[in-house]
Structure formats: structure tokens, C-alpha cells
C-alpha atoms as a PDB file:
ATOM      1  CA  UNK A   1     -39.215   9.139  83.636  1.00  0.00           C
ATOM      2  CA  UNK A   2     -39.261  10.930  87.075  1.00  0.00           C
ATOM      3  CA  UNK A   3     -38.095   8.991  90.099  1.00  0.00           C
ATOM      4  CA  UNK A   4     -37.859  11.680  92.784  1.00  0.00           C
ATOM      5  CA  UNK A   5     -39.224  15.612  93.167  1.00  0.00           C
ATOM      6  CA  UNK A   6     -36.495  18.116  93.271  1.00  0.00           C
ATOM      7  CA  UNK A   7     -38.497  19.733  96.423  1.00  0.00           C
ATOM      8  CA  UNK A   8     -38.781  16.554  98.206  1.00  0.00           C
ATOM      9  CA  UNK A   9     -34.792  15.704  97.828  1.00  0.00           C
ATOM     10  CA  UNK A  10     -33.390  19.031  97.936  1.00  0.00           C
ATOM     11  CA  UNK A  11     -31.730  18.045 101.694  1.00  0.00           C
ATOM     12  CA  UNK A  12     -30.985  14.485 100.505  1.00  0.00           C
ATOM     13  CA  UNK A  13     -27.724  13.458  98.215  1.00  0.00           C
ATOM     14  CA  UNK A  14     -28.631  11.592  94.954  1.00  0.00           C
ATOM     15  CA  UNK A  15     -28.055   8.034  95.495  1.00  0.00           C
ATOM     16  CA  UNK A  16     -26.094   5.576  93.078  1.00  0.00           C
ATOM     17  CA  UNK A  17     -28.745   4.442  90.399  1.00  0.00           C
ATOM     18  CA  UNK A  18     -28.336   0.923  90.867  1.00  0.00           C
ATOM     19  CA  UNK A  19     -27.846   0.700  95.330  1.00  0.00           C
ATOM     20  CA  UNK A  20     -31.878   0.328  95.047  1.00  0.00           C
ATOM     21  CA  UNK A  21     -33.285  -2.825  96.713  1.00  0.00           C
ATOM     22  CA  UNK A  22     -37.059  -1.901  96.162  1.00  0.00           C
ATOM     23  CA  UNK A  23     -38.774   0.152  93.814  1.00  0.00           C
ATOM     24  CA  UNK A  24     -41.736   2.048  95.586  1.00  0.00           C
ATOM     25  CA  UNK A  25     -44.153   2.860  93.140  1.00  0.00           C
ATOM     26  CA  UNK A  26     -45.901   5.737  94.637  1.00  0.00           C
ATOM     27  CA  UNK A  27     -48.974   8.742  93.734  1.00  0.00           C
ATOM     28  CA  UNK A  28     -47.219  11.701  93.514  1.00  0.00           C
ATOM     29  CA  UNK A  29     -50.263  13.636  93.153  1.00  0.00           C
ATOM     30  CA  UNK A  30     -51.442  12.374  96.455  1.00  0.00           C
ATOM     31  CA  UNK A  31     -50.928  14.531  99.555  1.00  0.00           C
ATOM     32  CA  UNK A  32     -50.829  11.609 101.982  1.00  0.00           C
ATOM     33  CA  UNK A  33     -48.925   9.437  99.923  1.00  0.00           C
ATOM     34  CA  UNK A  34     -45.918  11.991  99.263  1.00  0.00           C
ATOM     35  CA  UNK A  35     -46.064  12.767 103.159  1.00  0.00           C
ATOM     36  CA  UNK A  36     -45.305   9.012 103.757  1.00  0.00           C
ATOM     37  CA  UNK A  37     -42.437   9.295 100.728  1.00  0.00           C
ATOM     38  CA  UNK A  38     -41.142  12.380 102.057  1.00  0.00           C
ATOM     39  CA  UNK A  39     -40.608  10.333 105.602  1.00  0.00           C
ATOM     40  CA  UNK A  40     -38.962   7.656 103.769  1.00  0.00           C
ATOM     41  CA  UNK A  41     -36.587   9.526 101.983  1.00  0.00           C
ATOM     42  CA  UNK A  42     -35.459  11.437 104.746  1.00  0.00           C
ATOM     43  CA  UNK A  43     -35.037   7.658 106.204  1.00  0.00           C
ATOM     44  CA  UNK A  44     -33.349   6.389 103.148  1.00  0.00           C
ATOM     45  CA  UNK A  45     -31.112   9.305 103.496  1.00  0.00           C
ATOM     46  CA  UNK A  46     -29.739   9.177 100.441  1.00  0.00           C
ATOM     47  CA  UNK A  47     -28.090   5.424 100.740  1.00  0.00           C
ATOM     48  CA  UNK A  48     -30.550   4.761  97.682  1.00  0.00           C
ATOM     49  CA  UNK A  49     -31.789   1.501  99.375  1.00  0.00           C
ATOM     50  CA  UNK A  50     -35.850   2.459  97.779  1.00  0.00           C
ATOM     51  CA  UNK A  51     -36.346   3.969  94.199  1.00  0.00           C
ATOM     52  CA  UNK A  52     -39.062   6.317  94.685  1.00  0.00           C
ATOM     53  CA  UNK A  53     -41.293   6.205  91.446  1.00  0.00           C
ATOM     54  CA  UNK A  54     -43.922   8.582  90.699  1.00  0.00           C
ATOM     55  CA  UNK A  55     -46.792   6.587  88.715  1.00  0.00           C
ATOM     56  CA  UNK A  56     -48.378   9.846  88.413  1.00  0.00           C
ATOM     57  CA  UNK A  57     -45.756  11.018  86.181  1.00  0.00           C
ATOM     58  CA  UNK A  58     -46.951  10.971  82.646  1.00  0.00           C
ATOM     59  CA  UNK A  59     -43.466   9.457  81.431  1.00  0.00           C
ATOM     60  CA  UNK A  60     -44.179   6.533  84.032  1.00  0.00           C
ATOM     61  CA  UNK A  61     -43.796   2.916  81.863  1.00  0.00           C
ATOM     62  CA  UNK A  62     -44.860   0.235  83.188  1.00  0.00           C
ATOM     63  CA  UNK A  63     -42.746  -2.126  81.524  1.00  0.00           C
ATOM     64  CA  UNK A  64     -39.579  -0.435  83.515  1.00  0.00           C
ATOM     65  CA  UNK A  65     -41.182  -1.333  86.697  1.00  0.00           C
ATOM     66  CA  UNK A  66     -42.776  -4.937  87.018  1.00  0.00           C
ATOM     67  CA  UNK A  67     -45.182  -4.677  84.377  1.00  0.00           C
ATOM     68  CA  UNK A  68     -47.547  -2.986  87.016  1.00  0.00           C
ATOM     69  CA  UNK A  69     -49.815  -0.546  84.810  1.00  0.00           C
ATOM     70  CA  UNK A  70     -50.836   2.861  85.684  1.00  0.00           C
ATOM     71  CA  UNK A  71     -54.513   1.474  86.649  1.00  0.00           C
ATOM     72  CA  UNK A  72     -53.064  -0.931  88.789  1.00  0.00           C
ATOM     73  CA  UNK A  73     -50.367   1.465  90.927  1.00  0.00           C
ATOM     74  CA  UNK A  74     -53.101   3.560  91.655  1.00  0.00           C
ATOM     75  CA  UNK A  75     -55.762   1.324  92.706  1.00  0.00           C
ATOM     76  CA  UNK A  76     -53.195  -0.246  95.572  1.00  0.00           C
ATOM     77  CA  UNK A  77     -49.844   0.300  96.044  1.00  0.00           C
ATOM     78  CA  UNK A  78     -46.977  -1.496  94.589  1.00  0.00           C
ATOM     79  CA  UNK A  79     -43.287  -2.369  94.778  1.00  0.00           C
ATOM     80  CA  UNK A  80     -40.744  -3.924  92.633  1.00  0.00           C
ATOM     81  CA  UNK A  81     -38.150  -5.833  94.184  1.00  0.00           C
ATOM     82  CA  UNK A  82     -34.448  -6.358  93.192  1.00  0.00           C
ATOM     83  CA  UNK A  83     -35.064  -9.731  91.441  1.00  0.00           C
ATOM     84  CA  UNK A  84     -38.139  -8.234  89.572  1.00  0.00           C
ATOM     85  CA  UNK A  85     -40.847  -9.601  91.809  1.00  0.00           C
ATOM     86  CA  UNK A  86     -43.754  -7.163  92.897  1.00  0.00           C
ATOM     87  CA  UNK A  87     -45.310  -6.938  95.854  1.00  0.00           C
ATOM     88  CA  UNK A  88     -48.327  -4.975  96.604  1.00  0.00           C
ATOM     89  CA  UNK A  89     -50.633  -3.884  99.780  1.00  0.00           C
ATOM     90  CA  UNK A  90     -49.153  -3.641 103.353  1.00  0.00           C
ATOM     91  CA  UNK A  91     -46.221  -6.463 102.162  1.00  0.00           C
ATOM     92  CA  UNK A  92     -44.882  -3.089 100.425  1.00  0.00           C
ATOM     93  CA  UNK A  93     -44.629  -1.134 103.540  1.00  0.00           C
ATOM     94  CA  UNK A  94     -43.054  -4.029 105.597  1.00  0.00           C
ATOM     95  CA  UNK A  95     -40.327  -4.632 103.070  1.00  0.00           C
ATOM     96  CA  UNK A  96     -39.953  -0.986 102.751  1.00  0.00           C
ATOM     97  CA  UNK A  97     -39.776   0.003 106.130  1.00  0.00           C
ATOM     98  CA  UNK A  98     -37.721  -3.595 106.828  1.00  0.00           C
ATOM     99  CA  UNK A  99     -35.197  -2.403 104.171  1.00  0.00           C
ATOM    100  CA  UNK A 100     -34.734   0.935 106.029  1.00  0.00           C
ATOM    101  CA  UNK A 101     -34.156  -0.237 109.228  1.00  0.00           C
ATOM    102  CA  UNK A 102     -37.686   0.127 110.618  1.00  0.00           C
ATOM    103  CA  UNK A 103     -39.158  -3.356 110.254  1.00  0.00           C
ATOM    104  CA  UNK A 104     -40.444  -3.457 114.089  1.00  0.00           C
ATOM    105  CA  UNK A 105     -42.712  -0.423 113.022  1.00  0.00           C
ATOM    106  CA  UNK A 106     -44.679  -2.951 110.309  1.00  0.00           C
ATOM    107  CA  UNK A 107     -43.257  -6.221 111.804  1.00  0.00           C
ATOM    108  CA  UNK A 108     -46.883  -6.978 114.131  1.00  0.00           C
ATOM    109  CA  UNK A 109     -48.993  -6.666 110.722  1.00  0.00           C
ATOM    110  CA  UNK A 110     -47.354 -10.443 110.049  1.00  0.00           C
ATOM    111  CA  UNK A 111     -48.798 -11.501 112.887  1.00  0.00           C
ATOM    112  CA  UNK A 112     -52.202 -14.166 112.807  1.00  0.00           C
ATOM    113  CA  UNK A 113     -54.844 -11.479 114.257  1.00  0.00           C
ATOM    114  CA  UNK A 114     -53.157  -8.203 113.956  1.00  0.00           C
ATOM    115  CA  UNK A 115     -52.600  -8.906 109.826  1.00  0.00           C
ATOM    116  CA  UNK A 116     -55.623  -9.630 108.720  1.00  0.00           C
ATOM    117  CA  UNK A 117     -57.334  -6.497 110.613  1.00  0.00           C
ATOM    118  CA  UNK A 118     -54.467  -4.327 109.224  1.00  0.00           C
ATOM    119  CA  UNK A 119     -55.041  -5.744 105.543  1.00  0.00           C
ATOM    120  CA  UNK A 120     -58.387  -5.214 105.992  1.00  0.00           C
ATOM    121  CA  UNK A 121     -58.002  -1.152 106.962  1.00  0.00           C
ATOM    122  CA  UNK A 122     -55.424  -1.028 103.928  1.00  0.00           C
ATOM    123  CA  UNK A 123     -58.305  -2.332 101.457  1.00  0.00           C
ATOM    124  CA  UNK A 124     -60.424   0.396 102.805  1.00  0.00           C
ATOM    125  CA  UNK A 125     -58.284   2.842 102.693  1.00  0.00           C
ATOM    126  CA  UNK A 126     -57.272   2.094  98.919  1.00  0.00           C
ATOM    127  CA  UNK A 127     -61.091   1.935  98.119  1.00  0.00           C
ATOM    128  CA  UNK A 128     -61.496   5.430  99.702  1.00  0.00           C
ATOM    129  CA  UNK A 129     -57.836   6.901  98.940  1.00  0.00           C
ATOM    130  CA  UNK A 130     -58.842   9.116  96.113  1.00  0.00           C
ATOM    131  CA  UNK A 131     -62.229  10.107  97.014  1.00  0.00           C
ATOM    132  CA  UNK A 132     -60.757  11.451 100.696  1.00  0.00           C
ATOM    133  CA  UNK A 133     -57.625  13.323  99.038  1.00  0.00           C
ATOM    134  CA  UNK A 134     -60.402  15.370  96.762  1.00  0.00           C
ATOM    135  CA  UNK A 135     -59.408  13.452  93.442  1.00  0.00           C
ATOM    136  CA  UNK A 136     -61.505  11.997  90.912  1.00  0.00           C
ATOM    137  CA  UNK A 137     -61.995   8.431  90.606  1.00  0.00           C
ATOM    138  CA  UNK A 138     -59.440   6.165  89.360  1.00  0.00           C
ATOM    139  CA  UNK A 139     -61.487   5.589  85.788  1.00  0.00           C
ATOM    140  CA  UNK A 140     -61.274   9.019  85.464  1.00  0.00           C
ATOM    141  CA  UNK A 141     -57.734   9.225  86.341  1.00  0.00           C
ATOM    142  CA  UNK A 142     -57.209   6.937  83.705  1.00  0.00           C
ATOM    143  CA  UNK A 143     -59.087   8.299  81.008  1.00  0.00           C
ATOM    144  CA  UNK A 144     -57.262  11.799  81.568  1.00  0.00           C
ATOM    145  CA  UNK A 145     -53.686  10.372  81.277  1.00  0.00           C
ATOM    146  CA  UNK A 146     -54.686   8.179  78.407  1.00  0.00           C
ATOM    147  CA  UNK A 147     -56.317  11.678  76.829  1.00  0.00           C
ATOM    148  CA  UNK A 148     -52.728  13.423  77.819  1.00  0.00           C
ATOM    149  CA  UNK A 149     -50.545  10.793  76.469  1.00  0.00           C
ATOM    150  CA  UNK A 150     -52.747  10.900  73.470  1.00  0.00           C
ATOM    151  CA  UNK A 151     -52.063  14.617  72.683  1.00  0.00           C
ATOM    152  CA  UNK A 152     -48.134  13.902  72.758  1.00  0.00           C
ATOM    153  CA  UNK A 153     -46.323  16.550  72.787  1.00  0.00           C
ATOM    154  CA  UNK A 154     -47.400  18.400  70.338  1.00  0.00           C
ATOM    155  CA  UNK A 155     -49.534  21.822  70.239  1.00  0.00           C
ATOM    156  CA  UNK A 156     -52.773  20.407  70.055  1.00  0.00           C
ATOM    157  CA  UNK A 157     -54.549  17.716  71.014  1.00  0.00           C
ATOM    158  CA  UNK A 158     -55.289  15.123  68.465  1.00  0.00           C
ATOM    159  CA  UNK A 159     -58.317  13.559  70.345  1.00  0.00           C
ATOM    160  CA  UNK A 160     -61.433  14.085  67.884  1.00  0.00           C
ATOM    161  CA  UNK A 161     -59.311  15.936  65.262  1.00  0.00           C
ATOM    162  CA  UNK A 162     -59.696  14.375  61.582  1.00  0.00           C
ATOM    163  CA  UNK A 163     -56.998  15.662  60.296  1.00  0.00           C
END
């Protein structure tokens, strides 16, 4: 399973694999998501505090990442804490930014009036993210992934093949 893309980590040292405090599950095919991940990688500065897990990688397996299915992870951002707890939505950003020493950026999202507004804004973004980035809808992405996985690593796809 790919945890990071080579082009995004070329200037960042490879961290120890056991130093992470949070696994950020992100869509590596989303240009806006990649922009955020690249920013966070720079802030992590090779410390390995955040393990970046590309859910768009066909090798992504839910069992290794808190049981978060591909479909769920594509629908809303998720993260897995060191203790196995799964968090999602704006809470993911609060935790990641806090771990990287930038907690002040998302601190207002926990305030009584601002928090619900930010949560609603994120819900709208998550609902429209695929369309706004020129991607197929979630059902299509899930079906495409299932088809690729059914094809396996062989030379031809077995879908619809009787033999």
C-alpha cells in the first residue's frame, strides 16, 4: 500500500514508520486534497507525526486503517488515531493541525457558534467535492475501483468472462 507519493516527498526525509500519531486518509486523485496534503507534509518536516494514506491507491485496505471503507473515506475525510479510534470531518483537521503545532488555525472551529457553521460548510464541500474537482460521482468511483480489483493483476479482466 502506498503511504506517500514520491513526487510529494522528494524533499522531505522519510520518517520512521512507527512515529505517527495520526493516519490521515486522503484522496490522492483530488487536486485540492493533494495541495492540502503537500502543505501538511511540509509542516510535518519529516518527523512522521502524520502518516499520509492515499485511499485512491488500489492497494488501500480498510482493515489496516480503522476499518474505514473506500466509499466512506471518499465521502468524508477520516483519520485513525494511534489508539485505533476513527475520527472524521472537521475534527480530522483540528487534530492534524494540532499535532503539527498549528492547532490555533482550527481552534475556532471548536467554538460554539463558529463550530456548527464550519461543520455545515465542510458537509457542503464534502457533498460537492467530486463534482467541483471534475471527478465522477462516488457510486461511479466505487464501481470503477471494484472493477479494477476484480481484474486483479492478470493480463485481462475477468468481469463478464465465462472462462
